[in-house]
Amino acid sequence: MQAPGLRAGSPDARRAIRLERFTIVYNIGEGFVAILAGLAAGLVSLFGFGIDSVIEVASAGVVLVRLTAEIRGGDVDEVKERRALRFIALTFFALAAYVVFEGIRDLATGATPDTSTVGVVLLGLSVVVMPVLARLKRRTGERLGSRLMVADAAETRLCAWLSASTFVGLVAFALVGWTWLDSVAGFVIAFFAVREGREAWEGELVSDDRD
């Protein structure tokens, strides 16, 4: 059943689509920069954050397709959607396993990463952008009467917390030079990745009143 505010051409419907498209474009840029900067500095947390951003692009793409179909009153291929979400979930779980393994290995070997000014600036920007984006999504979703949009706003809010935790870890590492901080920040990313993976596997981002 279509939510009452989900009418093609309505201002809130157009705003919802623009917000989802912005989420995708921003995460592509964020992920690309974070991955390159993380590899250059040998920072597991920054690299993992970049991979998480790339996975978020796929997740946001699924949400955008579903939201567009709802607004246009069309049918949604539930089977394909479920498969896509479960693939995304497995990717989140793989990311969690990777950053935990790398974090433990770095702690055991005493690896010393470099600081990353680019990473700090990028994460500082995300700490500002993501909470605002989450707030706009939630307000738009509430006006539309769309549980999908509200759920996606919660996902963006999780990304904001992830940005903040990684930012704090990188800044603290740059200031005091404690190498274990990078691994700890990576473990935080693993926690969020598992949480987001469970949500994707259970299909929470695309649940509706019929579920």
N, C-alpha and C. Protein backbone atom coordinates (compact mmCIF):
# COMPACT_ATOMS: atom_id res chain seq x y z
N MET A 1 0.84 -1.20 0.00
CA MET A 1 0.00 0.00 0.00
C MET A 1 0.87 1.24 0.00
N GLN A 2 0.57 2.19 -0.87
CA GLN A 2 1.38 3.39 -0.99
C GLN A 2 1.13 4.32 0.18
N ALA A 3 2.20 4.87 0.75
CA ALA A 3 2.06 5.83 1.83
C ALA A 3 1.33 7.06 1.31
N PRO A 4 0.55 7.74 2.21
CA PRO A 4 -0.29 8.86 1.74
C PRO A 4 0.46 9.98 1.06
N GLY A 5 1.69 10.25 1.45
CA GLY A 5 2.41 11.37 0.85
C GLY A 5 3.23 11.00 -0.37
N LEU A 6 3.29 9.70 -0.68
CA LEU A 6 4.13 9.25 -1.79
C LEU A 6 3.40 9.40 -3.12
N ARG A 7 3.31 10.61 -3.61
CA ARG A 7 2.69 10.89 -4.89
C ARG A 7 3.75 11.45 -5.83
N ALA A 8 3.82 10.89 -7.03
CA ALA A 8 4.79 11.38 -8.01
C ALA A 8 4.56 12.87 -8.26
N GLY A 9 5.61 13.63 -8.21
CA GLY A 9 5.51 15.06 -8.47
C GLY A 9 5.33 15.91 -7.24
N SER A 10 5.02 15.32 -6.09
CA SER A 10 4.86 16.11 -4.88
C SER A 10 6.23 16.62 -4.43
N PRO A 11 6.27 17.81 -3.79
CA PRO A 11 7.56 18.38 -3.36
C PRO A 11 8.35 17.44 -2.45
N ASP A 12 7.67 16.80 -1.50
CA ASP A 12 8.38 15.90 -0.58
C ASP A 12 8.89 14.65 -1.29
N ALA A 13 8.14 14.16 -2.27
CA ALA A 13 8.59 13.00 -3.02
C ALA A 13 9.84 13.33 -3.82
N ARG A 14 9.84 14.50 -4.46
CA ARG A 14 11.04 14.92 -5.21
C ARG A 14 12.22 15.13 -4.27
N ARG A 15 11.95 15.67 -3.09
CA ARG A 15 13.02 15.88 -2.11
C ARG A 15 13.60 14.54 -1.65
N ALA A 16 12.75 13.56 -1.45
CA ALA A 16 13.21 12.24 -1.02
C ALA A 16 14.16 11.64 -2.05
N ILE A 17 13.80 11.74 -3.31
CA ILE A 17 14.65 11.20 -4.38
C ILE A 17 15.98 11.94 -4.42
N ARG A 18 15.94 13.28 -4.28
CA ARG A 18 17.18 14.06 -4.30
C ARG A 18 18.09 13.68 -3.13
N LEU A 19 17.52 13.45 -1.96
CA LEU A 19 18.31 13.09 -0.79
C LEU A 19 18.99 11.74 -0.98
N GLU A 20 18.26 10.79 -1.57
CA GLU A 20 18.86 9.47 -1.80
C GLU A 20 19.96 9.55 -2.85
N ARG A 21 19.75 10.35 -3.88
CA ARG A 21 20.79 10.50 -4.91
C ARG A 21 22.02 11.18 -4.34
N PHE A 22 21.81 12.18 -3.49
CA PHE A 22 22.94 12.85 -2.84
C PHE A 22 23.71 11.86 -1.97
N THR A 23 22.98 11.01 -1.25
CA THR A 23 23.62 9.99 -0.41
C THR A 23 24.55 9.12 -1.24
N ILE A 24 24.08 8.69 -2.40
CA ILE A 24 24.88 7.82 -3.26
C ILE A 24 26.12 8.55 -3.78
N VAL A 25 25.93 9.76 -4.31
CA VAL A 25 27.06 10.51 -4.86
C VAL A 25 28.09 10.84 -3.78
N TYR A 26 27.61 11.27 -2.63
CA TYR A 26 28.53 11.64 -1.54
C TYR A 26 29.33 10.43 -1.07
N ASN A 27 28.66 9.29 -0.90
CA ASN A 27 29.35 8.10 -0.42
C ASN A 27 30.35 7.56 -1.43
N ILE A 28 30.07 7.74 -2.72
CA ILE A 28 31.05 7.33 -3.74
C ILE A 28 32.33 8.14 -3.57
N GLY A 29 32.18 9.46 -3.48
CA GLY A 29 33.36 10.31 -3.30
C GLY A 29 34.06 10.04 -1.99
N GLU A 30 33.29 9.91 -0.92
CA GLU A 30 33.85 9.65 0.41
C GLU A 30 34.61 8.33 0.43
N GLY A 31 34.01 7.30 -0.14
CA GLY A 31 34.65 5.99 -0.14
C GLY A 31 35.93 5.97 -0.94
N PHE A 32 35.92 6.59 -2.11
CA PHE A 32 37.10 6.62 -2.98
C PHE A 32 38.27 7.30 -2.28
N VAL A 33 38.02 8.47 -1.69
CA VAL A 33 39.09 9.21 -1.01
C VAL A 33 39.58 8.45 0.22
N ALA A 34 38.66 7.90 1.01
CA ALA A 34 39.05 7.20 2.23
C ALA A 34 39.88 5.95 1.94
N ILE A 35 39.50 5.21 0.90
CA ILE A 35 40.26 4.00 0.56
C ILE A 35 41.67 4.35 0.13
N LEU A 36 41.81 5.34 -0.75
CA LEU A 36 43.15 5.73 -1.20
C LEU A 36 43.99 6.27 -0.05
N ALA A 37 43.40 7.13 0.78
CA ALA A 37 44.14 7.70 1.91
C ALA A 37 44.49 6.62 2.93
N GLY A 38 43.57 5.68 3.16
CA GLY A 38 43.84 4.60 4.10
C GLY A 38 44.96 3.69 3.63
N LEU A 39 44.98 3.38 2.33
CA LEU A 39 46.06 2.55 1.79
C LEU A 39 47.40 3.28 1.86
N ALA A 40 47.39 4.57 1.54
CA ALA A 40 48.63 5.35 1.55
C ALA A 40 49.23 5.44 2.94
N ALA A 41 48.38 5.57 3.96
CA ALA A 41 48.87 5.74 5.33
C ALA A 41 48.96 4.42 6.10
N GLY A 42 48.43 3.35 5.53
CA GLY A 42 48.43 2.08 6.24
C GLY A 42 47.46 2.06 7.40
N LEU A 43 46.38 2.85 7.31
CA LEU A 43 45.40 2.95 8.38
C LEU A 43 44.23 2.00 8.12
N VAL A 44 44.14 0.96 8.94
CA VAL A 44 43.06 -0.02 8.78
C VAL A 44 41.70 0.64 8.95
N SER A 45 41.57 1.52 9.94
CA SER A 45 40.28 2.14 10.23
C SER A 45 39.80 3.00 9.06
N LEU A 46 40.70 3.78 8.47
CA LEU A 46 40.32 4.66 7.37
C LEU A 46 39.97 3.86 6.12
N PHE A 47 40.75 2.82 5.85
CA PHE A 47 40.46 1.96 4.71
C PHE A 47 39.11 1.26 4.90
N GLY A 48 38.89 0.75 6.10
CA GLY A 48 37.63 0.08 6.39
C GLY A 48 36.45 1.02 6.29
N PHE A 49 36.64 2.26 6.72
CA PHE A 49 35.59 3.28 6.61
C PHE A 49 35.25 3.52 5.14
N GLY A 50 36.27 3.54 4.29
CA GLY A 50 36.04 3.75 2.87
C GLY A 50 35.27 2.60 2.24
N ILE A 51 35.62 1.37 2.61
CA ILE A 51 34.89 0.21 2.09
C ILE A 51 33.44 0.25 2.56
N ASP A 52 33.24 0.65 3.82
CA ASP A 52 31.88 0.77 4.35
C ASP A 52 31.07 1.77 3.53
N SER A 53 31.70 2.88 3.14
CA SER A 53 31.01 3.89 2.34
C SER A 53 30.60 3.33 0.99
N VAL A 54 31.47 2.53 0.39
CA VAL A 54 31.16 1.93 -0.91
C VAL A 54 29.98 0.96 -0.78
N ILE A 55 29.97 0.18 0.29
CA ILE A 55 28.85 -0.74 0.51
C ILE A 55 27.56 0.05 0.72
N GLU A 56 27.67 1.18 1.41
CA GLU A 56 26.49 2.02 1.65
C GLU A 56 25.89 2.52 0.33
N VAL A 57 26.74 2.69 -0.69
CA VAL A 57 26.24 3.11 -2.00
C VAL A 57 25.29 2.05 -2.55
N ALA A 58 25.68 0.78 -2.42
CA ALA A 58 24.83 -0.30 -2.91
C ALA A 58 23.52 -0.35 -2.12
N SER A 59 23.61 -0.19 -0.82
CA SER A 59 22.42 -0.19 0.03
C SER A 59 21.48 0.96 -0.32
N ALA A 60 22.06 2.16 -0.48
CA ALA A 60 21.25 3.32 -0.84
C ALA A 60 20.62 3.15 -2.21
N GLY A 61 21.32 2.45 -3.11
CA GLY A 61 20.77 2.19 -4.44
C GLY A 61 19.51 1.34 -4.36
N VAL A 62 19.54 0.31 -3.50
CA VAL A 62 18.36 -0.53 -3.31
C VAL A 62 17.21 0.29 -2.75
N VAL A 63 17.51 1.15 -1.78
CA VAL A 63 16.49 2.01 -1.18
C VAL A 63 15.90 2.95 -2.24
N LEU A 64 16.75 3.53 -3.08
CA LEU A 64 16.30 4.47 -4.10
C LEU A 64 15.36 3.78 -5.09
N VAL A 65 15.72 2.58 -5.51
CA VAL A 65 14.88 1.84 -6.46
C VAL A 65 13.51 1.56 -5.84
N ARG A 66 13.52 1.12 -4.57
CA ARG A 66 12.26 0.82 -3.89
C ARG A 66 11.42 2.08 -3.71
N LEU A 67 12.06 3.16 -3.29
CA LEU A 67 11.35 4.41 -3.05
C LEU A 67 10.76 4.96 -4.34
N THR A 68 11.52 4.89 -5.43
CA THR A 68 11.03 5.37 -6.72
C THR A 68 9.82 4.56 -7.17
N ALA A 69 9.88 3.24 -6.97
CA ALA A 69 8.75 2.39 -7.35
C ALA A 69 7.52 2.72 -6.53
N GLU A 70 7.71 2.99 -5.23
CA GLU A 70 6.58 3.34 -4.36
C GLU A 70 5.94 4.66 -4.80
N ILE A 71 6.79 5.64 -5.11
CA ILE A 71 6.28 6.96 -5.51
C ILE A 71 5.49 6.87 -6.81
N ARG A 72 5.97 6.04 -7.74
CA ARG A 72 5.30 5.91 -9.03
C ARG A 72 4.14 4.93 -8.99
N GLY A 73 3.98 4.27 -7.84
CA GLY A 73 2.88 3.32 -7.71
C GLY A 73 3.10 2.03 -8.46
N GLY A 74 4.36 1.74 -8.78
CA GLY A 74 4.67 0.52 -9.52
C GLY A 74 4.92 -0.67 -8.61
N ASP A 75 5.19 -1.82 -9.23
CA ASP A 75 5.46 -3.05 -8.49
C ASP A 75 6.94 -3.15 -8.15
N VAL A 76 7.23 -3.80 -7.03
CA VAL A 76 8.60 -4.01 -6.59
C VAL A 76 8.91 -5.50 -6.66
N ASP A 77 10.05 -5.85 -7.26
CA ASP A 77 10.47 -7.25 -7.34
C ASP A 77 11.08 -7.63 -6.00
N GLU A 78 10.26 -8.20 -5.12
CA GLU A 78 10.69 -8.52 -3.77
C GLU A 78 11.83 -9.54 -3.74
N VAL A 79 11.78 -10.51 -4.66
CA VAL A 79 12.79 -11.57 -4.67
C VAL A 79 14.17 -11.00 -5.00
N LYS A 80 14.24 -10.20 -6.09
CA LYS A 80 15.52 -9.60 -6.47
C LYS A 80 16.02 -8.65 -5.40
N GLU A 81 15.09 -7.92 -4.79
CA GLU A 81 15.46 -6.97 -3.75
C GLU A 81 16.06 -7.70 -2.55
N ARG A 82 15.44 -8.80 -2.15
CA ARG A 82 15.93 -9.58 -1.02
C ARG A 82 17.32 -10.14 -1.31
N ARG A 83 17.52 -10.63 -2.54
CA ARG A 83 18.84 -11.17 -2.90
C ARG A 83 19.90 -10.08 -2.84
N ALA A 84 19.56 -8.88 -3.35
CA ALA A 84 20.52 -7.77 -3.34
C ALA A 84 20.88 -7.38 -1.91
N LEU A 85 19.87 -7.32 -1.05
CA LEU A 85 20.13 -6.94 0.34
C LEU A 85 20.98 -7.98 1.06
N ARG A 86 20.76 -9.24 0.77
CA ARG A 86 21.55 -10.28 1.43
C ARG A 86 22.98 -10.31 0.92
N PHE A 87 23.17 -9.98 -0.35
CA PHE A 87 24.53 -9.84 -0.86
C PHE A 87 25.24 -8.68 -0.15
N ILE A 88 24.52 -7.57 0.02
CA ILE A 88 25.08 -6.42 0.74
C ILE A 88 25.42 -6.82 2.17
N ALA A 89 24.54 -7.60 2.81
CA ALA A 89 24.78 -8.04 4.18
C ALA A 89 26.07 -8.87 4.27
N LEU A 90 26.25 -9.80 3.34
CA LEU A 90 27.46 -10.62 3.34
C LEU A 90 28.71 -9.76 3.15
N THR A 91 28.59 -8.70 2.35
CA THR A 91 29.73 -7.81 2.15
C THR A 91 30.06 -7.06 3.43
N PHE A 92 29.04 -6.64 4.18
CA PHE A 92 29.27 -6.01 5.48
C PHE A 92 29.99 -6.98 6.43
N PHE A 93 29.55 -8.23 6.46
CA PHE A 93 30.16 -9.21 7.35
C PHE A 93 31.62 -9.46 6.96
N ALA A 94 31.88 -9.50 5.65
CA ALA A 94 33.26 -9.69 5.18
C ALA A 94 34.14 -8.51 5.60
N LEU A 95 33.58 -7.29 5.51
CA LEU A 95 34.31 -6.11 5.94
C LEU A 95 34.65 -6.19 7.43
N ALA A 96 33.68 -6.60 8.24
CA ALA A 96 33.91 -6.73 9.67
C ALA A 96 35.04 -7.73 9.96
N ALA A 97 35.00 -8.88 9.28
CA ALA A 97 36.03 -9.89 9.48
C ALA A 97 37.40 -9.36 9.08
N TYR A 98 37.44 -8.60 7.97
CA TYR A 98 38.72 -8.07 7.48
C TYR A 98 39.34 -7.09 8.47
N VAL A 99 38.55 -6.11 8.94
CA VAL A 99 39.14 -5.08 9.81
C VAL A 99 39.52 -5.67 11.17
N VAL A 100 38.77 -6.68 11.64
CA VAL A 100 39.14 -7.32 12.90
C VAL A 100 40.45 -8.08 12.74
N PHE A 101 40.57 -8.83 11.64
CA PHE A 101 41.80 -9.58 11.38
C PHE A 101 43.00 -8.65 11.27
N GLU A 102 42.85 -7.58 10.46
CA GLU A 102 43.95 -6.64 10.26
C GLU A 102 44.29 -5.92 11.57
N GLY A 103 43.27 -5.57 12.34
CA GLY A 103 43.50 -4.88 13.61
C GLY A 103 44.27 -5.74 14.59
N ILE A 104 43.88 -7.01 14.70
CA ILE A 104 44.57 -7.93 15.60
C ILE A 104 46.00 -8.16 15.13
N ARG A 105 46.18 -8.31 13.83
CA ARG A 105 47.53 -8.52 13.29
C ARG A 105 48.43 -7.33 13.55
N ASP A 106 47.89 -6.12 13.36
CA ASP A 106 48.70 -4.92 13.61
C ASP A 106 49.07 -4.79 15.08
N LEU A 107 48.13 -5.16 15.97
CA LEU A 107 48.44 -5.12 17.40
C LEU A 107 49.52 -6.14 17.75
N ALA A 108 49.45 -7.32 17.12
CA ALA A 108 50.41 -8.38 17.43
C ALA A 108 51.80 -8.07 16.88
N THR A 109 51.86 -7.44 15.72
CA THR A 109 53.16 -7.17 15.08
C THR A 109 53.72 -5.80 15.42
N GLY A 110 52.88 -4.95 16.04
CA GLY A 110 53.34 -3.60 16.37
C GLY A 110 53.49 -2.71 15.16
N ALA A 111 52.67 -2.94 14.13
CA ALA A 111 52.74 -2.12 12.93
C ALA A 111 52.45 -0.66 13.25
N THR A 112 53.18 0.24 12.57
CA THR A 112 53.03 1.68 12.83
C THR A 112 52.52 2.38 11.58
N PRO A 113 51.24 2.75 11.56
CA PRO A 113 50.70 3.47 10.40
C PRO A 113 51.11 4.93 10.43
N ASP A 114 50.91 5.62 9.32
CA ASP A 114 51.17 7.06 9.26
C ASP A 114 49.88 7.82 9.57
N THR A 115 50.04 9.08 9.95
CA THR A 115 48.86 9.92 10.12
C THR A 115 48.35 10.34 8.74
N SER A 116 47.09 10.73 8.67
CA SER A 116 46.50 11.10 7.39
C SER A 116 45.69 12.38 7.55
N THR A 117 46.26 13.49 7.07
CA THR A 117 45.55 14.76 7.12
C THR A 117 44.31 14.72 6.24
N VAL A 118 44.43 14.07 5.08
CA VAL A 118 43.30 13.94 4.18
C VAL A 118 42.16 13.19 4.86
N GLY A 119 42.50 12.12 5.56
CA GLY A 119 41.50 11.33 6.26
C GLY A 119 40.81 12.12 7.35
N VAL A 120 41.56 12.89 8.10
CA VAL A 120 40.98 13.69 9.18
C VAL A 120 40.02 14.73 8.62
N VAL A 121 40.42 15.39 7.53
CA VAL A 121 39.56 16.41 6.90
C VAL A 121 38.29 15.77 6.36
N LEU A 122 38.44 14.63 5.68
CA LEU A 122 37.29 13.93 5.11
C LEU A 122 36.29 13.52 6.19
N LEU A 123 36.80 12.94 7.26
CA LEU A 123 35.92 12.49 8.33
C LEU A 123 35.29 13.67 9.06
N GLY A 124 36.05 14.75 9.21
CA GLY A 124 35.50 15.95 9.82
C GLY A 124 34.32 16.48 9.02
N LEU A 125 34.44 16.43 7.70
CA LEU A 125 33.34 16.86 6.83
C LEU A 125 32.13 15.94 6.99
N SER A 126 32.38 14.64 7.06
CA SER A 126 31.28 13.68 7.20
C SER A 126 30.57 13.82 8.54
N VAL A 127 31.33 14.18 9.58
CA VAL A 127 30.73 14.39 10.90
C VAL A 127 29.70 15.52 10.84
N VAL A 128 29.92 16.48 9.94
CA VAL A 128 28.99 17.60 9.78
C VAL A 128 27.85 17.23 8.83
N VAL A 129 28.19 16.59 7.71
CA VAL A 129 27.20 16.32 6.66
C VAL A 129 26.21 15.23 7.05
N MET A 130 26.69 14.13 7.60
CA MET A 130 25.82 12.98 7.84
C MET A 130 24.67 13.24 8.83
N PRO A 131 24.91 13.91 9.96
CA PRO A 131 23.77 14.18 10.85
C PRO A 131 22.71 15.07 10.21
N VAL A 132 23.15 16.05 9.41
CA VAL A 132 22.20 16.92 8.72
C VAL A 132 21.40 16.12 7.71
N LEU A 133 22.08 15.25 6.96
CA LEU A 133 21.41 14.42 5.96
C LEU A 133 20.40 13.49 6.63
N ALA A 134 20.79 12.89 7.76
CA ALA A 134 19.89 12.00 8.48
C ALA A 134 18.65 12.75 8.95
N ARG A 135 18.84 13.98 9.44
CA ARG A 135 17.71 14.77 9.93
C ARG A 135 16.75 15.12 8.79
N LEU A 136 17.31 15.50 7.64
CA LEU A 136 16.48 15.84 6.48
C LEU A 136 15.70 14.62 5.98
N LYS A 137 16.35 13.47 5.97
CA LYS A 137 15.67 12.25 5.53
C LYS A 137 14.52 11.90 6.47
N ARG A 138 14.77 12.01 7.77
CA ARG A 138 13.73 11.66 8.72
C ARG A 138 12.52 12.60 8.59
N ARG A 139 12.78 13.90 8.50
CA ARG A 139 11.68 14.86 8.37
C ARG A 139 10.89 14.61 7.09
N THR A 140 11.61 14.35 5.99
CA THR A 140 10.94 14.08 4.73
C THR A 140 10.13 12.80 4.80
N GLY A 141 10.72 11.77 5.41
CA GLY A 141 10.01 10.50 5.54
C GLY A 141 8.76 10.62 6.38
N GLU A 142 8.83 11.41 7.44
CA GLU A 142 7.66 11.59 8.30
C GLU A 142 6.55 12.34 7.56
N ARG A 143 6.93 13.34 6.76
CA ARG A 143 5.92 14.08 5.99
C ARG A 143 5.29 13.20 4.92
N LEU A 144 6.10 12.31 4.35
CA LEU A 144 5.60 11.42 3.31
C LEU A 144 4.78 10.26 3.90
N GLY A 145 4.99 9.99 5.17
CA GLY A 145 4.39 8.81 5.77
C GLY A 145 5.07 7.54 5.29
N SER A 146 6.40 7.64 5.00
CA SER A 146 7.17 6.52 4.46
C SER A 146 8.06 5.91 5.53
N ARG A 147 7.74 4.68 5.93
CA ARG A 147 8.59 3.97 6.89
C ARG A 147 9.97 3.69 6.28
N LEU A 148 9.99 3.47 4.97
CA LEU A 148 11.26 3.21 4.28
C LEU A 148 12.21 4.38 4.45
N MET A 149 11.73 5.59 4.23
CA MET A 149 12.57 6.78 4.32
C MET A 149 13.02 7.01 5.76
N VAL A 150 12.15 6.77 6.71
CA VAL A 150 12.51 6.94 8.12
C VAL A 150 13.57 5.92 8.52
N ALA A 151 13.42 4.67 8.05
CA ALA A 151 14.40 3.63 8.35
C ALA A 151 15.75 3.97 7.73
N ASP A 152 15.72 4.51 6.52
CA ASP A 152 16.97 4.89 5.86
C ASP A 152 17.63 6.05 6.59
N ALA A 153 16.83 6.94 7.18
CA ALA A 153 17.39 8.04 7.98
C ALA A 153 18.15 7.48 9.18
N ALA A 154 17.61 6.43 9.78
CA ALA A 154 18.29 5.80 10.91
C ALA A 154 19.62 5.19 10.46
N GLU A 155 19.64 4.63 9.26
CA GLU A 155 20.88 4.07 8.71
C GLU A 155 21.92 5.17 8.50
N THR A 156 21.48 6.31 8.01
CA THR A 156 22.40 7.44 7.81
C THR A 156 22.91 7.96 9.15
N ARG A 157 22.06 7.92 10.17
CA ARG A 157 22.49 8.34 11.50
C ARG A 157 23.58 7.41 12.03
N LEU A 158 23.46 6.11 11.74
CA LEU A 158 24.51 5.17 12.12
C LEU A 158 25.83 5.53 11.42
N CYS A 159 25.73 5.94 10.16
CA CYS A 159 26.93 6.35 9.42
C CYS A 159 27.57 7.58 10.08
N ALA A 160 26.72 8.45 10.61
CA ALA A 160 27.24 9.64 11.29
C ALA A 160 28.04 9.25 12.52
N TRP A 161 27.52 8.28 13.28
CA TRP A 161 28.25 7.81 14.46
C TRP A 161 29.56 7.13 14.05
N LEU A 162 29.52 6.38 12.97
CA LEU A 162 30.73 5.72 12.48
C LEU A 162 31.76 6.76 12.06
N SER A 163 31.32 7.81 11.37
CA SER A 163 32.24 8.90 10.98
C SER A 163 32.87 9.54 12.21
N ALA A 164 32.05 9.77 13.23
CA ALA A 164 32.54 10.44 14.45
C ALA A 164 33.56 9.57 15.18
N SER A 165 33.26 8.27 15.30
CA SER A 165 34.18 7.39 16.03
C SER A 165 35.51 7.24 15.31
N THR A 166 35.46 7.13 13.97
CA THR A 166 36.70 7.01 13.20
C THR A 166 37.48 8.32 13.24
N PHE A 167 36.77 9.43 13.18
CA PHE A 167 37.40 10.76 13.26
C PHE A 167 38.14 10.93 14.58
N VAL A 168 37.49 10.57 15.67
CA VAL A 168 38.12 10.68 16.99
C VAL A 168 39.37 9.82 17.06
N GLY A 169 39.28 8.60 16.52
CA GLY A 169 40.44 7.70 16.53
C GLY A 169 41.61 8.25 15.75
N LEU A 170 41.35 8.82 14.56
CA LEU A 170 42.44 9.36 13.74
C LEU A 170 43.06 10.59 14.37
N VAL A 171 42.22 11.47 14.94
CA VAL A 171 42.74 12.68 15.58
C VAL A 171 43.57 12.31 16.80
N ALA A 172 43.07 11.38 17.60
CA ALA A 172 43.81 10.96 18.80
C ALA A 172 45.14 10.33 18.41
N PHE A 173 45.13 9.53 17.34
CA PHE A 173 46.38 8.91 16.88
C PHE A 173 47.38 9.98 16.42
N ALA A 174 46.88 10.98 15.70
CA ALA A 174 47.75 12.06 15.22
C ALA A 174 48.34 12.86 16.37
N LEU A 175 47.57 13.02 17.45
CA LEU A 175 48.02 13.84 18.57
C LEU A 175 48.98 13.11 19.51
N VAL A 176 48.65 11.85 19.84
CA VAL A 176 49.44 11.13 20.84
C VAL A 176 50.29 10.01 20.26
N GLY A 177 49.97 9.58 19.03
CA GLY A 177 50.81 8.58 18.38
C GLY A 177 50.64 7.17 18.89
N TRP A 178 49.57 6.87 19.58
CA TRP A 178 49.33 5.51 20.06
C TRP A 178 48.84 4.65 18.90
N THR A 179 49.67 3.72 18.47
CA THR A 179 49.36 2.95 17.27
C THR A 179 48.13 2.05 17.45
N TRP A 180 47.84 1.64 18.68
CA TRP A 180 46.71 0.75 18.90
C TRP A 180 45.37 1.44 18.65
N LEU A 181 45.37 2.77 18.61
CA LEU A 181 44.12 3.49 18.39
C LEU A 181 43.50 3.17 17.03
N ASP A 182 44.37 2.95 16.03
CA ASP A 182 43.86 2.62 14.69
C ASP A 182 43.13 1.29 14.71
N SER A 183 43.69 0.31 15.42
CA SER A 183 43.04 -1.00 15.51
C SER A 183 41.72 -0.91 16.26
N VAL A 184 41.70 -0.13 17.35
CA VAL A 184 40.46 0.03 18.12
C VAL A 184 39.38 0.68 17.25
N ALA A 185 39.76 1.70 16.49
CA ALA A 185 38.80 2.35 15.59
C ALA A 185 38.29 1.35 14.55
N GLY A 186 39.17 0.46 14.12
CA GLY A 186 38.76 -0.58 13.18
C GLY A 186 37.76 -1.54 13.80
N PHE A 187 37.93 -1.85 15.08
CA PHE A 187 36.98 -2.74 15.77
C PHE A 187 35.60 -2.07 15.87
N VAL A 188 35.60 -0.75 16.05
CA VAL A 188 34.33 -0.02 16.09
C VAL A 188 33.63 -0.12 14.74
N ILE A 189 34.41 0.02 13.67
CA ILE A 189 33.84 -0.13 12.32
C ILE A 189 33.26 -1.53 12.14
N ALA A 190 33.96 -2.54 12.66
CA ALA A 190 33.46 -3.91 12.55
C ALA A 190 32.12 -4.06 13.26
N PHE A 191 31.98 -3.42 14.42
CA PHE A 191 30.72 -3.48 15.16
C PHE A 191 29.58 -2.89 14.33
N PHE A 192 29.81 -1.71 13.76
CA PHE A 192 28.79 -1.07 12.94
C PHE A 192 28.50 -1.90 11.68
N ALA A 193 29.54 -2.48 11.09
CA ALA A 193 29.36 -3.28 9.88
C ALA A 193 28.48 -4.49 10.15
N VAL A 194 28.70 -5.15 11.28
CA VAL A 194 27.87 -6.31 11.64
C VAL A 194 26.43 -5.87 11.87
N ARG A 195 26.26 -4.74 12.55
CA ARG A 195 24.90 -4.23 12.81
C ARG A 195 24.17 -3.90 11.51
N GLU A 196 24.88 -3.21 10.61
CA GLU A 196 24.27 -2.84 9.34
C GLU A 196 24.02 -4.08 8.48
N GLY A 197 24.94 -5.06 8.57
CA GLY A 197 24.76 -6.30 7.83
C GLY A 197 23.54 -7.07 8.29
N ARG A 198 23.29 -7.10 9.59
CA ARG A 198 22.11 -7.78 10.11
C ARG A 198 20.83 -7.10 9.62
N GLU A 199 20.85 -5.76 9.59
CA GLU A 199 19.67 -5.03 9.12
C GLU A 199 19.41 -5.31 7.64
N ALA A 200 20.48 -5.35 6.86
CA ALA A 200 20.32 -5.65 5.43
C ALA A 200 19.82 -7.07 5.23
N TRP A 201 20.36 -8.02 5.99
CA TRP A 201 19.96 -9.43 5.85
C TRP A 201 18.49 -9.62 6.21
N GLU A 202 18.05 -8.91 7.23
CA GLU A 202 16.66 -9.04 7.67
C GLU A 202 15.70 -8.18 6.86
N GLY A 203 16.26 -7.34 5.96
CA GLY A 203 15.43 -6.53 5.08
C GLY A 203 14.75 -5.37 5.77
N GLU A 204 15.33 -4.87 6.87
CA GLU A 204 14.68 -3.81 7.63
C GLU A 204 14.56 -2.51 6.85
N LEU A 205 15.51 -2.26 5.93
CA LEU A 205 15.47 -1.00 5.19
C LEU A 205 14.33 -0.97 4.17
N VAL A 206 13.77 -2.09 3.84
CA VAL A 206 12.71 -2.09 2.83
C VAL A 206 11.42 -2.69 3.38
N SER A 207 11.27 -2.71 4.69
CA SER A 207 10.05 -3.22 5.29
C SER A 207 8.92 -2.22 5.07
N ASP A 208 7.69 -2.72 4.98
CA ASP A 208 6.56 -1.83 4.87
C ASP A 208 5.41 -2.36 5.72
N ASP A 209 4.26 -1.76 5.62
CA ASP A 209 3.16 -2.08 6.50
C ASP A 209 2.63 -3.50 6.28
N ARG A 210 3.02 -4.13 5.19
CA ARG A 210 2.53 -5.50 4.94
C ARG A 210 3.41 -6.52 5.63
N ASP A 211 4.61 -6.14 6.11
CA ASP A 211 5.53 -7.10 6.72
C ASP A 211 5.06 -7.46 8.12
